[in-house]
Amino acid sequence: MITRVRRFLIQYSRHQTGTASYLTVVQEAELGLNLDISHEKARLNEILAEISETEHSAGRPVLSCLVKVEGSKGQGDNFYKLCERLGMGPWRELKQNPDFLQDMRTACRDFWRNDDNFAQFG
């Protein structure tokens, strides 16, 4: 599952603008999760967090910045708490910073649209 989600998010960052919903990730990565069931939605959150932690520790952008929580303007608190765990700053401050999320998304797209990066790490 992790490999399929990571592959989808890399392709999404290379070829799409905007954000992907949880439902889009589930469908496009063919996960078979039912997001109406709380533990299955939690599983998707765990997958996204694991991918983000792995990418960040390797010096690459956090791919989960491209996944938007339905009905929200950006990301949920769990995303910002993950960023805090990764050492990016206090989560409440990150959430209040209007440039933080957009800068992350831009960095992610710039990194993965670079053909050398894609060939080496994709």
PDB file of N, CA and C in Angstrom:
ATOM      1  N   MET A   1       0.815  -1.193   0.000  1.00  0.00           N
ATOM      2  CA  MET A   1       0.000   0.000   0.000  1.00  0.00           C
ATOM      3  C   MET A   1       0.859   1.258   0.000  1.00  0.00           C
ATOM      4  N   ILE A   2       1.890   1.247   0.807  1.00  0.00           N
ATOM      5  CA  ILE A   2       2.749   2.420   0.924  1.00  0.00           C
ATOM      6  C   ILE A   2       3.388   2.743  -0.425  1.00  0.00           C
ATOM      7  N   THR A   3       3.858   1.737  -1.113  1.00  0.00           N
ATOM      8  CA  THR A   3       4.498   1.950  -2.411  1.00  0.00           C
ATOM      9  C   THR A   3       3.511   2.524  -3.413  1.00  0.00           C
ATOM     10  N   ARG A   4       2.283   2.009  -3.424  1.00  0.00           N
ATOM     11  CA  ARG A   4       1.279   2.510  -4.368  1.00  0.00           C
ATOM     12  C   ARG A   4       0.904   3.959  -4.071  1.00  0.00           C
ATOM     13  N   VAL A   5       0.755   4.296  -2.795  1.00  0.00           N
ATOM     14  CA  VAL A   5       0.404   5.680  -2.429  1.00  0.00           C
ATOM     15  C   VAL A   5       1.560   6.611  -2.782  1.00  0.00           C
ATOM     16  N   ARG A   6       2.774   6.214  -2.460  1.00  0.00           N
ATOM     17  CA  ARG A   6       3.941   7.050  -2.775  1.00  0.00           C
ATOM     18  C   ARG A   6       4.042   7.270  -4.277  1.00  0.00           C
ATOM     19  N   ARG A   7       3.901   6.210  -5.049  1.00  0.00           N
ATOM     20  CA  ARG A   7       3.981   6.307  -6.509  1.00  0.00           C
ATOM     21  C   ARG A   7       2.895   7.261  -7.035  1.00  0.00           C
ATOM     22  N   PHE A   8       1.668   7.115  -6.515  1.00  0.00           N
ATOM     23  CA  PHE A   8       0.590   7.997  -6.945  1.00  0.00           C
ATOM     24  C   PHE A   8       0.916   9.455  -6.632  1.00  0.00           C
ATOM     25  N   LEU A   9       1.382   9.730  -5.409  1.00  0.00           N
ATOM     26  CA  LEU A   9       1.661  11.110  -5.015  1.00  0.00           C
ATOM     27  C   LEU A   9       2.813  11.720  -5.818  1.00  0.00           C
ATOM     28  N   ILE A  10       3.802  10.923  -6.149  1.00  0.00           N
ATOM     29  CA  ILE A  10       4.894  11.420  -6.990  1.00  0.00           C
ATOM     30  C   ILE A  10       4.362  11.781  -8.367  1.00  0.00           C
ATOM     31  N   GLN A  11       3.568  10.889  -8.947  1.00  0.00           N
ATOM     32  CA  GLN A  11       2.994  11.179 -10.262  1.00  0.00           C
ATOM     33  C   GLN A  11       2.067  12.396 -10.199  1.00  0.00           C
ATOM     34  N   TYR A  12       1.302  12.483  -9.140  1.00  0.00           N
ATOM     35  CA  TYR A  12       0.398  13.617  -8.954  1.00  0.00           C
ATOM     36  C   TYR A  12       1.186  14.924  -8.893  1.00  0.00           C
ATOM     37  N   SER A  13       2.275  14.914  -8.152  1.00  0.00           N
ATOM     38  CA  SER A  13       3.078  16.133  -8.024  1.00  0.00           C
ATOM     39  C   SER A  13       3.723  16.518  -9.352  1.00  0.00           C
ATOM     40  N   ARG A  14       4.014  15.541 -10.184  1.00  0.00           N
ATOM     41  CA  ARG A  14       4.634  15.812 -11.484  1.00  0.00           C
ATOM     42  C   ARG A  14       3.644  16.343 -12.516  1.00  0.00           C
ATOM     43  N   HIS A  15       2.410  15.876 -12.458  1.00  0.00           N
ATOM     44  CA  HIS A  15       1.487  16.121 -13.567  1.00  0.00           C
ATOM     45  C   HIS A  15       0.214  16.885 -13.220  1.00  0.00           C
ATOM     46  N   GLN A  16      -0.050  17.133 -11.948  1.00  0.00           N
ATOM     47  CA  GLN A  16      -1.297  17.783 -11.554  1.00  0.00           C
ATOM     48  C   GLN A  16      -1.006  19.065 -10.781  1.00  0.00           C
ATOM     49  N   THR A  17      -2.011  19.907 -10.724  1.00  0.00           N
ATOM     50  CA  THR A  17      -1.954  21.071  -9.849  1.00  0.00           C
ATOM     51  C   THR A  17      -3.010  20.865  -8.771  1.00  0.00           C
ATOM     52  N   GLY A  18      -2.987  21.693  -7.773  1.00  0.00           N
ATOM     53  CA  GLY A  18      -3.977  21.552  -6.711  1.00  0.00           C
ATOM     54  C   GLY A  18      -3.637  20.406  -5.780  1.00  0.00           C
ATOM     55  N   THR A  19      -4.664  19.879  -5.145  1.00  0.00           N
ATOM     56  CA  THR A  19      -4.469  18.816  -4.158  1.00  0.00           C
ATOM     57  C   THR A  19      -5.332  17.612  -4.492  1.00  0.00           C
ATOM     58  N   ALA A  20      -4.975  16.495  -3.927  1.00  0.00           N
ATOM     59  CA  ALA A  20      -5.748  15.263  -4.068  1.00  0.00           C
ATOM     60  C   ALA A  20      -6.532  15.033  -2.780  1.00  0.00           C
ATOM     61  N   SER A  21      -7.742  14.566  -2.904  1.00  0.00           N
ATOM     62  CA  SER A  21      -8.543  14.240  -1.722  1.00  0.00           C
ATOM     63  C   SER A  21      -8.167  12.854  -1.221  1.00  0.00           C
ATOM     64  N   TYR A  22      -8.569  12.565  -0.002  1.00  0.00           N
ATOM     65  CA  TYR A  22      -8.357  11.218   0.543  1.00  0.00           C
ATOM     66  C   TYR A  22      -8.993  10.181  -0.383  1.00  0.00           C
ATOM     67  N   LEU A  23     -10.210  10.468  -0.850  1.00  0.00           N
ATOM     68  CA  LEU A  23     -10.911   9.525  -1.715  1.00  0.00           C
ATOM     69  C   LEU A  23     -10.146   9.292  -3.012  1.00  0.00           C
ATOM     70  N   THR A  24      -9.594  10.340  -3.588  1.00  0.00           N
ATOM     71  CA  THR A  24      -8.804  10.190  -4.810  1.00  0.00           C
ATOM     72  C   THR A  24      -7.594   9.300  -4.561  1.00  0.00           C
ATOM     73  N   VAL A  25      -6.920   9.503  -3.451  1.00  0.00           N
ATOM     74  CA  VAL A  25      -5.761   8.659  -3.121  1.00  0.00           C
ATOM     75  C   VAL A  25      -6.179   7.198  -3.010  1.00  0.00           C
ATOM     76  N   VAL A  26      -7.272   6.938  -2.305  1.00  0.00           N
ATOM     77  CA  VAL A  26      -7.750   5.567  -2.127  1.00  0.00           C
ATOM     78  C   VAL A  26      -8.081   4.935  -3.475  1.00  0.00           C
ATOM     79  N   GLN A  27      -8.759   5.686  -4.330  1.00  0.00           N
ATOM     80  CA  GLN A  27      -9.170   5.144  -5.624  1.00  0.00           C
ATOM     81  C   GLN A  27      -7.991   4.967  -6.573  1.00  0.00           C
ATOM     82  N   GLU A  28      -7.169   5.999  -6.705  1.00  0.00           N
ATOM     83  CA  GLU A  28      -6.074   5.954  -7.673  1.00  0.00           C
ATOM     84  C   GLU A  28      -4.962   4.980  -7.272  1.00  0.00           C
ATOM     85  N   ALA A  29      -4.737   4.840  -5.984  1.00  0.00           N
ATOM     86  CA  ALA A  29      -3.715   3.898  -5.510  1.00  0.00           C
ATOM     87  C   ALA A  29      -4.303   2.496  -5.300  1.00  0.00           C
ATOM     88  N   GLU A  30      -5.605   2.354  -5.599  1.00  0.00           N
ATOM     89  CA  GLU A  30      -6.301   1.064  -5.502  1.00  0.00           C
ATOM     90  C   GLU A  30      -6.097   0.410  -4.141  1.00  0.00           C
ATOM     91  N   LEU A  31      -6.416   1.176  -3.089  1.00  0.00           N
ATOM     92  CA  LEU A  31      -6.206   0.687  -1.737  1.00  0.00           C
ATOM     93  C   LEU A  31      -7.356  -0.153  -1.212  1.00  0.00           C
ATOM     94  N   GLY A  32      -8.560   0.070  -1.722  1.00  0.00           N
ATOM     95  CA  GLY A  32      -9.708  -0.684  -1.248  1.00  0.00           C
ATOM     96  C   GLY A  32     -10.146  -0.337   0.157  1.00  0.00           C
ATOM     97  N   LEU A  33      -9.780   0.846   0.634  1.00  0.00           N
ATOM     98  CA  LEU A  33     -10.186   1.275   1.970  1.00  0.00           C
ATOM     99  C   LEU A  33     -11.535   1.984   1.894  1.00  0.00           C
ATOM    100  N   ASN A  34     -12.336   1.826   2.924  1.00  0.00           N
ATOM    101  CA  ASN A  34     -13.604   2.524   3.045  1.00  0.00           C
ATOM    102  C   ASN A  34     -13.406   3.657   4.045  1.00  0.00           C
ATOM    103  N   LEU A  35     -13.414   4.886   3.558  1.00  0.00           N
ATOM    104  CA  LEU A  35     -13.122   6.034   4.411  1.00  0.00           C
ATOM    105  C   LEU A  35     -14.240   6.353   5.387  1.00  0.00           C
ATOM    106  N   ASP A  36     -15.390   5.688   5.251  1.00  0.00           N
ATOM    107  CA  ASP A  36     -16.471   5.863   6.218  1.00  0.00           C
ATOM    108  C   ASP A  36     -16.239   5.039   7.480  1.00  0.00           C
ATOM    109  N   ILE A  37     -15.271   4.142   7.419  1.00  0.00           N
ATOM    110  CA  ILE A  37     -14.916   3.319   8.575  1.00  0.00           C
ATOM    111  C   ILE A  37     -13.685   3.949   9.219  1.00  0.00           C
ATOM    112  N   SER A  38     -13.819   4.340  10.474  1.00  0.00           N
ATOM    113  CA  SER A  38     -12.781   5.155  11.118  1.00  0.00           C
ATOM    114  C   SER A  38     -11.407   4.488  11.120  1.00  0.00           C
ATOM    115  N   HIS A  39     -11.328   3.188  11.371  1.00  0.00           N
ATOM    116  CA  HIS A  39     -10.003   2.569  11.427  1.00  0.00           C
ATOM    117  C   HIS A  39      -9.372   2.449  10.037  1.00  0.00           C
ATOM    118  N   GLU A  40     -10.191   2.410   8.984  1.00  0.00           N
ATOM    119  CA  GLU A  40      -9.628   2.380   7.634  1.00  0.00           C
ATOM    120  C   GLU A  40      -9.130   3.765   7.225  1.00  0.00           C
ATOM    121  N   LYS A  41      -9.827   4.810   7.639  1.00  0.00           N
ATOM    122  CA  LYS A  41      -9.343   6.166   7.399  1.00  0.00           C
ATOM    123  C   LYS A  41      -8.070   6.405   8.206  1.00  0.00           C
ATOM    124  N   ALA A  42      -8.038   5.895   9.427  1.00  0.00           N
ATOM    125  CA  ALA A  42      -6.834   6.013  10.254  1.00  0.00           C
ATOM    126  C   ALA A  42      -5.663   5.303   9.594  1.00  0.00           C
ATOM    127  N   ARG A  43      -5.922   4.179   8.932  1.00  0.00           N
ATOM    128  CA  ARG A  43      -4.859   3.444   8.229  1.00  0.00           C
ATOM    129  C   ARG A  43      -4.263   4.303   7.115  1.00  0.00           C
ATOM    130  N   LEU A  44      -5.134   5.016   6.381  1.00  0.00           N
ATOM    131  CA  LEU A  44      -4.628   5.905   5.342  1.00  0.00           C
ATOM    132  C   LEU A  44      -3.778   7.012   5.960  1.00  0.00           C
ATOM    133  N   ASN A  45      -4.211   7.564   7.079  1.00  0.00           N
ATOM    134  CA  ASN A  45      -3.413   8.580   7.771  1.00  0.00           C
ATOM    135  C   ASN A  45      -2.046   8.029   8.168  1.00  0.00           C
ATOM    136  N   GLU A  46      -2.009   6.790   8.645  1.00  0.00           N
ATOM    137  CA  GLU A  46      -0.748   6.154   9.023  1.00  0.00           C
ATOM    138  C   GLU A  46       0.168   5.985   7.808  1.00  0.00           C
ATOM    139  N   ILE A  47      -0.400   5.580   6.694  1.00  0.00           N
ATOM    140  CA  ILE A  47       0.376   5.401   5.461  1.00  0.00           C
ATOM    141  C   ILE A  47       0.978   6.733   5.028  1.00  0.00           C
ATOM    142  N   LEU A  48       0.154   7.780   5.026  1.00  0.00           N
ATOM    143  CA  LEU A  48       0.642   9.103   4.630  1.00  0.00           C
ATOM    144  C   LEU A  48       1.739   9.596   5.571  1.00  0.00           C
ATOM    145  N   ALA A  49       1.568   9.368   6.864  1.00  0.00           N
ATOM    146  CA  ALA A  49       2.582   9.785   7.839  1.00  0.00           C
ATOM    147  C   ALA A  49       3.884   9.019   7.629  1.00  0.00           C
ATOM    148  N   GLU A  50       3.786   7.723   7.398  1.00  0.00           N
ATOM    149  CA  GLU A  50       4.997   6.919   7.191  1.00  0.00           C
ATOM    150  C   GLU A  50       5.754   7.369   5.946  1.00  0.00           C
ATOM    151  N   ILE A  51       5.021   7.628   4.869  1.00  0.00           N
ATOM    152  CA  ILE A  51       5.655   8.119   3.642  1.00  0.00           C
ATOM    153  C   ILE A  51       6.337   9.455   3.911  1.00  0.00           C
ATOM    154  N   SER A  52       5.643  10.336   4.606  1.00  0.00           N
ATOM    155  CA  SER A  52       6.181  11.666   4.885  1.00  0.00           C
ATOM    156  C   SER A  52       7.439  11.590   5.732  1.00  0.00           C
ATOM    157  N   GLU A  53       7.417  10.749   6.756  1.00  0.00           N
ATOM    158  CA  GLU A  53       8.588  10.588   7.616  1.00  0.00           C
ATOM    159  C   GLU A  53       9.778  10.049   6.839  1.00  0.00           C
ATOM    160  N   THR A  54       9.537   9.073   5.977  1.00  0.00           N
ATOM    161  CA  THR A  54      10.602   8.480   5.171  1.00  0.00           C
ATOM    162  C   THR A  54      11.183   9.496   4.194  1.00  0.00           C
ATOM    163  N   GLU A  55      10.305  10.213   3.505  1.00  0.00           N
ATOM    164  CA  GLU A  55      10.765  11.215   2.539  1.00  0.00           C
ATOM    165  C   GLU A  55      11.554  12.319   3.240  1.00  0.00           C
ATOM    166  N   HIS A  56      11.034  12.805   4.357  1.00  0.00           N
ATOM    167  CA  HIS A  56      11.708  13.887   5.088  1.00  0.00           C
ATOM    168  C   HIS A  56      13.081  13.442   5.588  1.00  0.00           C
ATOM    169  N   SER A  57      13.165  12.229   6.112  1.00  0.00           N
ATOM    170  CA  SER A  57      14.458  11.751   6.629  1.00  0.00           C
ATOM    171  C   SER A  57      15.479  11.555   5.505  1.00  0.00           C
ATOM    172  N   ALA A  58      14.985  11.379   4.266  1.00  0.00           N
ATOM    173  CA  ALA A  58      15.880  11.239   3.114  1.00  0.00           C
ATOM    174  C   ALA A  58      16.189  12.589   2.466  1.00  0.00           C
ATOM    175  N   GLY A  59      15.657  13.673   3.060  1.00  0.00           N
ATOM    176  CA  GLY A  59      15.930  15.001   2.527  1.00  0.00           C
ATOM    177  C   GLY A  59      15.044  15.409   1.364  1.00  0.00           C
ATOM    178  N   ARG A  60      13.958  14.679   1.181  1.00  0.00           N
ATOM    179  CA  ARG A  60      13.020  15.002   0.100  1.00  0.00           C
ATOM    180  C   ARG A  60      11.772  15.652   0.677  1.00  0.00           C
ATOM    181  N   PRO A  61      10.989  16.339  -0.180  1.00  0.00           N
ATOM    182  CA  PRO A  61       9.770  17.006   0.298  1.00  0.00           C
ATOM    183  C   PRO A  61       8.731  16.021   0.837  1.00  0.00           C
ATOM    184  N   VAL A  62       7.901  16.532   1.718  1.00  0.00           N
ATOM    185  CA  VAL A  62       6.832  15.747   2.345  1.00  0.00           C
ATOM    186  C   VAL A  62       5.670  15.620   1.352  1.00  0.00           C
ATOM    187  N   LEU A  63       5.460  14.417   0.829  1.00  0.00           N
ATOM    188  CA  LEU A  63       4.443  14.197  -0.199  1.00  0.00           C
ATOM    189  C   LEU A  63       3.015  14.389   0.300  1.00  0.00           C
ATOM    190  N   SER A  64       2.779  14.158   1.577  1.00  0.00           N
ATOM    191  CA  SER A  64       1.405  14.258   2.071  1.00  0.00           C
ATOM    192  C   SER A  64       0.880  15.690   2.077  1.00  0.00           C
ATOM    193  N   CYS A  65       1.741  16.669   1.801  1.00  0.00           N
ATOM    194  CA  CYS A  65       1.262  18.049   1.702  1.00  0.00           C
ATOM    195  C   CYS A  65       0.301  18.212   0.532  1.00  0.00           C
ATOM    196  N   LEU A  66       0.308  17.252  -0.381  1.00  0.00           N
ATOM    197  CA  LEU A  66      -0.565  17.307  -1.559  1.00  0.00           C
ATOM    198  C   LEU A  66      -1.943  16.710  -1.307  1.00  0.00           C
ATOM    199  N   VAL A  67      -2.138  16.106  -0.143  1.00  0.00           N
ATOM    200  CA  VAL A  67      -3.414  15.453   0.167  1.00  0.00           C
ATOM    201  C   VAL A  67      -4.210  16.356   1.093  1.00  0.00           C
ATOM    202  N   LYS A  68      -5.371  16.746   0.625  1.00  0.00           N
ATOM    203  CA  LYS A  68      -6.217  17.690   1.358  1.00  0.00           C
ATOM    204  C   LYS A  68      -7.335  16.947   2.078  1.00  0.00           C
ATOM    205  N   VAL A  69      -7.587  17.371   3.279  1.00  0.00           N
ATOM    206  CA  VAL A  69      -8.702  16.829   4.043  1.00  0.00           C
ATOM    207  C   VAL A  69      -9.990  17.416   3.466  1.00  0.00           C
ATOM    208  N   GLU A  70     -10.954  16.568   3.168  1.00  0.00           N
ATOM    209  CA  GLU A  70     -12.220  17.031   2.615  1.00  0.00           C
ATOM    210  C   GLU A  70     -12.867  18.061   3.523  1.00  0.00           C
ATOM    211  N   GLY A  71     -13.409  19.101   2.920  1.00  0.00           N
ATOM    212  CA  GLY A  71     -14.133  20.116   3.663  1.00  0.00           C
ATOM    213  C   GLY A  71     -13.255  21.108   4.398  1.00  0.00           C
ATOM    214  N   SER A  72     -11.949  21.043   4.166  1.00  0.00           N
ATOM    215  CA  SER A  72     -11.055  21.979   4.845  1.00  0.00           C
ATOM    216  C   SER A  72     -10.341  22.819   3.799  1.00  0.00           C
ATOM    217  N   LYS A  73      -9.811  23.936   4.214  1.00  0.00           N
ATOM    218  CA  LYS A  73      -9.101  24.812   3.284  1.00  0.00           C
ATOM    219  C   LYS A  73      -7.711  24.287   2.965  1.00  0.00           C
ATOM    220  N   GLY A  74      -7.190  23.458   3.812  1.00  0.00           N
ATOM    221  CA  GLY A  74      -5.827  22.981   3.602  1.00  0.00           C
ATOM    222  C   GLY A  74      -5.639  21.615   4.209  1.00  0.00           C
ATOM    223  N   GLN A  75      -4.971  21.596   5.320  1.00  0.00           N
ATOM    224  CA  GLN A  75      -4.645  20.348   5.989  1.00  0.00           C
ATOM    225  C   GLN A  75      -5.286  20.317   7.370  1.00  0.00           C
ATOM    226  N   GLY A  76      -5.471  19.113   7.865  1.00  0.00           N
ATOM    227  CA  GLY A  76      -5.971  18.954   9.219  1.00  0.00           C
ATOM    228  C   GLY A  76      -4.849  19.081  10.232  1.00  0.00           C
ATOM    229  N   ASP A  77      -5.225  19.108  11.493  1.00  0.00           N
ATOM    230  CA  ASP A  77      -4.239  19.256  12.561  1.00  0.00           C
ATOM    231  C   ASP A  77      -3.199  18.147  12.549  1.00  0.00           C
ATOM    232  N   ASN A  78      -3.592  16.939  12.173  1.00  0.00           N
ATOM    233  CA  ASN A  78      -2.640  15.817  12.182  1.00  0.00           C
ATOM    234  C   ASN A  78      -1.454  16.078  11.257  1.00  0.00           C
ATOM    235  N   PHE A  79      -1.696  16.724  10.124  1.00  0.00           N
ATOM    236  CA  PHE A  79      -0.603  17.047   9.215  1.00  0.00           C
ATOM    237  C   PHE A  79       0.394  17.991   9.888  1.00  0.00           C
ATOM    238  N   TYR A  80      -0.118  19.026  10.523  1.00  0.00           N
ATOM    239  CA  TYR A  80       0.765  19.996  11.173  1.00  0.00           C
ATOM    240  C   TYR A  80       1.480  19.381  12.370  1.00  0.00           C
ATOM    241  N   LYS A  81       0.823  18.476  13.070  1.00  0.00           N
ATOM    242  CA  LYS A  81       1.476  17.779  14.181  1.00  0.00           C
ATOM    243  C   LYS A  81       2.590  16.877  13.663  1.00  0.00           C
ATOM    244  N   LEU A  82       2.380  16.270  12.505  1.00  0.00           N
ATOM    245  CA  LEU A  82       3.436  15.482  11.868  1.00  0.00           C
ATOM    246  C   LEU A  82       4.627  16.389  11.537  1.00  0.00           C
ATOM    247  N   CYS A  83       4.347  17.550  10.970  1.00  0.00           N
ATOM    248  CA  CYS A  83       5.426  18.490  10.637  1.00  0.00           C
ATOM    249  C   CYS A  83       6.186  18.916  11.885  1.00  0.00           C
ATOM    250  N   GLU A  84       5.475  19.087  12.989  1.00  0.00           N
ATOM    251  CA  GLU A  84       6.136  19.420  14.251  1.00  0.00           C
ATOM    252  C   GLU A  84       7.059  18.270  14.672  1.00  0.00           C
ATOM    253  N   ARG A  85       6.577  17.027  14.577  1.00  0.00           N
ATOM    254  CA  ARG A  85       7.413  15.865  14.914  1.00  0.00           C
ATOM    255  C   ARG A  85       8.653  15.787  14.020  1.00  0.00           C
ATOM    256  N   LEU A  86       8.520  16.281  12.798  1.00  0.00           N
ATOM    257  CA  LEU A  86       9.645  16.263  11.866  1.00  0.00           C
ATOM    258  C   LEU A  86      10.601  17.432  12.093  1.00  0.00           C
ATOM    259  N   GLY A  87      10.283  18.269  13.087  1.00  0.00           N
ATOM    260  CA  GLY A  87      11.185  19.347  13.453  1.00  0.00           C
ATOM    261  C   GLY A  87      11.001  20.646  12.686  1.00  0.00           C
ATOM    262  N   MET A  88       9.837  20.842  12.098  1.00  0.00           N
ATOM    263  CA  MET A  88       9.597  22.043  11.296  1.00  0.00           C
ATOM    264  C   MET A  88       9.086  23.228  12.106  1.00  0.00           C
ATOM    265  N   GLY A  89       8.754  22.995  13.366  1.00  0.00           N
ATOM    266  CA  GLY A  89       8.266  24.071  14.215  1.00  0.00           C
ATOM    267  C   GLY A  89       7.001  23.669  14.945  1.00  0.00           C
ATOM    268  N   PRO A  90       6.529  24.515  15.861  1.00  0.00           N
ATOM    269  CA  PRO A  90       5.297  24.229  16.601  1.00  0.00           C
ATOM    270  C   PRO A  90       4.099  24.157  15.643  1.00  0.00           C
ATOM    271  N   TRP A  91       3.290  23.140  15.792  1.00  0.00           N
ATOM    272  CA  TRP A  91       2.239  22.886  14.811  1.00  0.00           C
ATOM    273  C   TRP A  91       1.239  24.024  14.697  1.00  0.00           C
ATOM    274  N   ARG A  92       0.911  24.657  15.804  1.00  0.00           N
ATOM    275  CA  ARG A  92      -0.063  25.763  15.742  1.00  0.00           C
ATOM    276  C   ARG A  92       0.495  26.948  14.942  1.00  0.00           C
ATOM    277  N   GLU A  93       1.782  27.202  15.095  1.00  0.00           N
ATOM    278  CA  GLU A  93       2.411  28.281  14.326  1.00  0.00           C
ATOM    279  C   GLU A  93       2.468  27.928  12.849  1.00  0.00           C
ATOM    280  N   LEU A  94       2.787  26.670  12.551  1.00  0.00           N
ATOM    281  CA  LEU A  94       2.821  26.237  11.155  1.00  0.00           C
ATOM    282  C   LEU A  94       1.449  26.383  10.512  1.00  0.00           C
ATOM    283  N   LYS A  95       0.419  26.016  11.259  1.00  0.00           N
ATOM    284  CA  LYS A  95      -0.945  26.093  10.739  1.00  0.00           C
ATOM    285  C   LYS A  95      -1.362  27.542  10.486  1.00  0.00           C
ATOM    286  N   GLN A  96      -0.879  28.458  11.311  1.00  0.00           N
ATOM    287  CA  GLN A  96      -1.237  29.872  11.163  1.00  0.00           C
ATOM    288  C   GLN A  96      -0.422  30.591  10.083  1.00  0.00           C
ATOM    289  N   ASN A  97       0.685  29.989   9.678  1.00  0.00           N
ATOM    290  CA  ASN A  97       1.550  30.604   8.668  1.00  0.00           C
ATOM    291  C   ASN A  97       0.932  30.390   7.285  1.00  0.00           C
ATOM    292  N   PRO A  98       0.470  31.460   6.626  1.00  0.00           N
ATOM    293  CA  PRO A  98      -0.217  31.298   5.338  1.00  0.00           C
ATOM    294  C   PRO A  98       0.689  30.776   4.219  1.00  0.00           C
ATOM    295  N   ASP A  99       1.998  30.943   4.365  1.00  0.00           N
ATOM    296  CA  ASP A  99       2.916  30.506   3.308  1.00  0.00           C
ATOM    297  C   ASP A  99       3.437  29.092   3.502  1.00  0.00           C
ATOM    298  N   PHE A 100       3.351  28.559   4.708  1.00  0.00           N
ATOM    299  CA  PHE A 100       3.978  27.272   5.013  1.00  0.00           C
ATOM    300  C   PHE A 100       3.508  26.166   4.079  1.00  0.00           C
ATOM    301  N   LEU A 101       2.217  25.949   4.002  1.00  0.00           N
ATOM    302  CA  LEU A 101       1.676  24.850   3.200  1.00  0.00           C
ATOM    303  C   LEU A 101       1.940  25.071   1.713  1.00  0.00           C
ATOM    304  N   GLN A 102       1.721  26.282   1.237  1.00  0.00           N
ATOM    305  CA  GLN A 102       1.959  26.560  -0.182  1.00  0.00           C
ATOM    306  C   GLN A 102       3.430  26.366  -0.542  1.00  0.00           C
ATOM    307  N   ASP A 103       4.321  26.797   0.332  1.00  0.00           N
ATOM    308  CA  ASP A 103       5.751  26.607   0.084  1.00  0.00           C
ATOM    309  C   ASP A 103       6.106  25.124   0.039  1.00  0.00           C
ATOM    310  N   MET A 104       5.496  24.335   0.916  1.00  0.00           N
ATOM    311  CA  MET A 104       5.748  22.887   0.908  1.00  0.00           C
ATOM    312  C   MET A 104       5.284  22.266  -0.407  1.00  0.00           C
ATOM    313  N   ARG A 105       4.097  22.654  -0.853  1.00  0.00           N
ATOM    314  CA  ARG A 105       3.561  22.101  -2.105  1.00  0.00           C
ATOM    315  C   ARG A 105       4.419  22.504  -3.301  1.00  0.00           C
ATOM    316  N   THR A 106       4.866  23.745  -3.318  1.00  0.00           N
ATOM    317  CA  THR A 106       5.731  24.209  -4.406  1.00  0.00           C
ATOM    318  C   THR A 106       7.049  23.443  -4.407  1.00  0.00           C
ATOM    319  N   ALA A 107       7.647  23.262  -3.246  1.00  0.00           N
ATOM    320  CA  ALA A 107       8.911  22.519  -3.145  1.00  0.00           C
ATOM    321  C   ALA A 107       8.732  21.074  -3.598  1.00  0.00           C
ATOM    322  N   CYS A 108       7.613  20.486  -3.232  1.00  0.00           N
ATOM    323  CA  CYS A 108       7.330  19.101  -3.613  1.00  0.00           C
ATOM    324  C   CYS A 108       7.231  18.975  -5.135  1.00  0.00           C
ATOM    325  N   ARG A 109       6.451  19.859  -5.729  1.00  0.00           N
ATOM    326  CA  ARG A 109       6.287  19.810  -7.189  1.00  0.00           C
ATOM    327  C   ARG A 109       7.608  20.099  -7.901  1.00  0.00           C
ATOM    328  N   ASP A 110       8.355  21.101  -7.441  1.00  0.00           N
ATOM    329  CA  ASP A 110       9.635  21.429  -8.062  1.00  0.00           C
ATOM    330  C   ASP A 110      10.591  20.240  -8.002  1.00  0.00           C
ATOM    331  N   PHE A 111      10.626  19.578  -6.855  1.00  0.00           N
ATOM    332  CA  PHE A 111      11.532  18.435  -6.687  1.00  0.00           C
ATOM    333  C   PHE A 111      11.157  17.303  -7.640  1.00  0.00           C
ATOM    334  N   TRP A 112       9.889  16.927  -7.662  1.00  0.00           N
ATOM    335  CA  TRP A 112       9.487  15.753  -8.439  1.00  0.00           C
ATOM    336  C   TRP A 112       9.330  16.030  -9.925  1.00  0.00           C
ATOM    337  N   ARG A 113       9.195  17.277 -10.315  1.00  0.00           N
ATOM    338  CA  ARG A 113       9.150  17.608 -11.741  1.00  0.00           C
ATOM    339  C   ARG A 113      10.548  17.659 -12.345  1.00  0.00           C
ATOM    340  N   ASN A 114      11.566  17.626 -11.494  1.00  0.00           N
ATOM    341  CA  ASN A 114      12.943  17.554 -11.953  1.00  0.00           C
ATOM    342  C   ASN A 114      13.197  16.109 -12.394  1.00  0.00           C
ATOM    343  N   ASP A 115      13.493  15.930 -13.671  1.00  0.00           N
ATOM    344  CA  ASP A 115      13.644  14.576 -14.222  1.00  0.00           C
ATOM    345  C   ASP A 115      14.767  13.788 -13.562  1.00  0.00           C
ATOM    346  N   ASP A 116      15.840  14.464 -13.171  1.00  0.00           N
ATOM    347  CA  ASP A 116      16.939  13.757 -12.498  1.00  0.00           C
ATOM    348  C   ASP A 116      16.479  13.216 -11.130  1.00  0.00           C
ATOM    349  N   ASN A 117      15.755  14.042 -10.382  1.00  0.00           N
ATOM    350  CA  ASN A 117      15.241  13.585  -9.091  1.00  0.00           C
ATOM    351  C   ASN A 117      14.272  12.423  -9.272  1.00  0.00           C
ATOM    352  N   PHE A 118      13.413  12.549 -10.263  1.00  0.00           N
ATOM    353  CA  PHE A 118      12.435  11.496 -10.510  1.00  0.00           C
ATOM    354  C   PHE A 118      13.129  10.187 -10.889  1.00  0.00           C
ATOM    355  N   ALA A 119      14.120  10.272 -11.746  1.00  0.00           N
ATOM    356  CA  ALA A 119      14.847   9.072 -12.171  1.00  0.00           C
ATOM    357  C   ALA A 119      15.595   8.432 -11.012  1.00  0.00           C
ATOM    358  N   GLN A 120      16.158   9.245 -10.140  1.00  0.00           N
ATOM    359  CA  GLN A 120      16.951   8.712  -9.027  1.00  0.00           C
ATOM    360  C   GLN A 120      16.119   8.218  -7.882  1.00  0.00           C
ATOM    361  N   PHE A 121      15.044   8.927  -7.533  1.00  0.00           N
ATOM    362  CA  PHE A 121      14.293   8.619  -6.322  1.00  0.00           C
ATOM    363  C   PHE A 121      12.870   8.122  -6.555  1.00  0.00           C
ATOM    364  N   GLY A 122      12.374   8.276  -7.776  1.00  0.00           N
ATOM    365  CA  GLY A 122      10.987   7.893  -8.064  1.00  0.00           C
ATOM    366  C   GLY A 122      10.835   6.421  -8.207  1.00  0.00           C
TER     367      GLY A 122
END
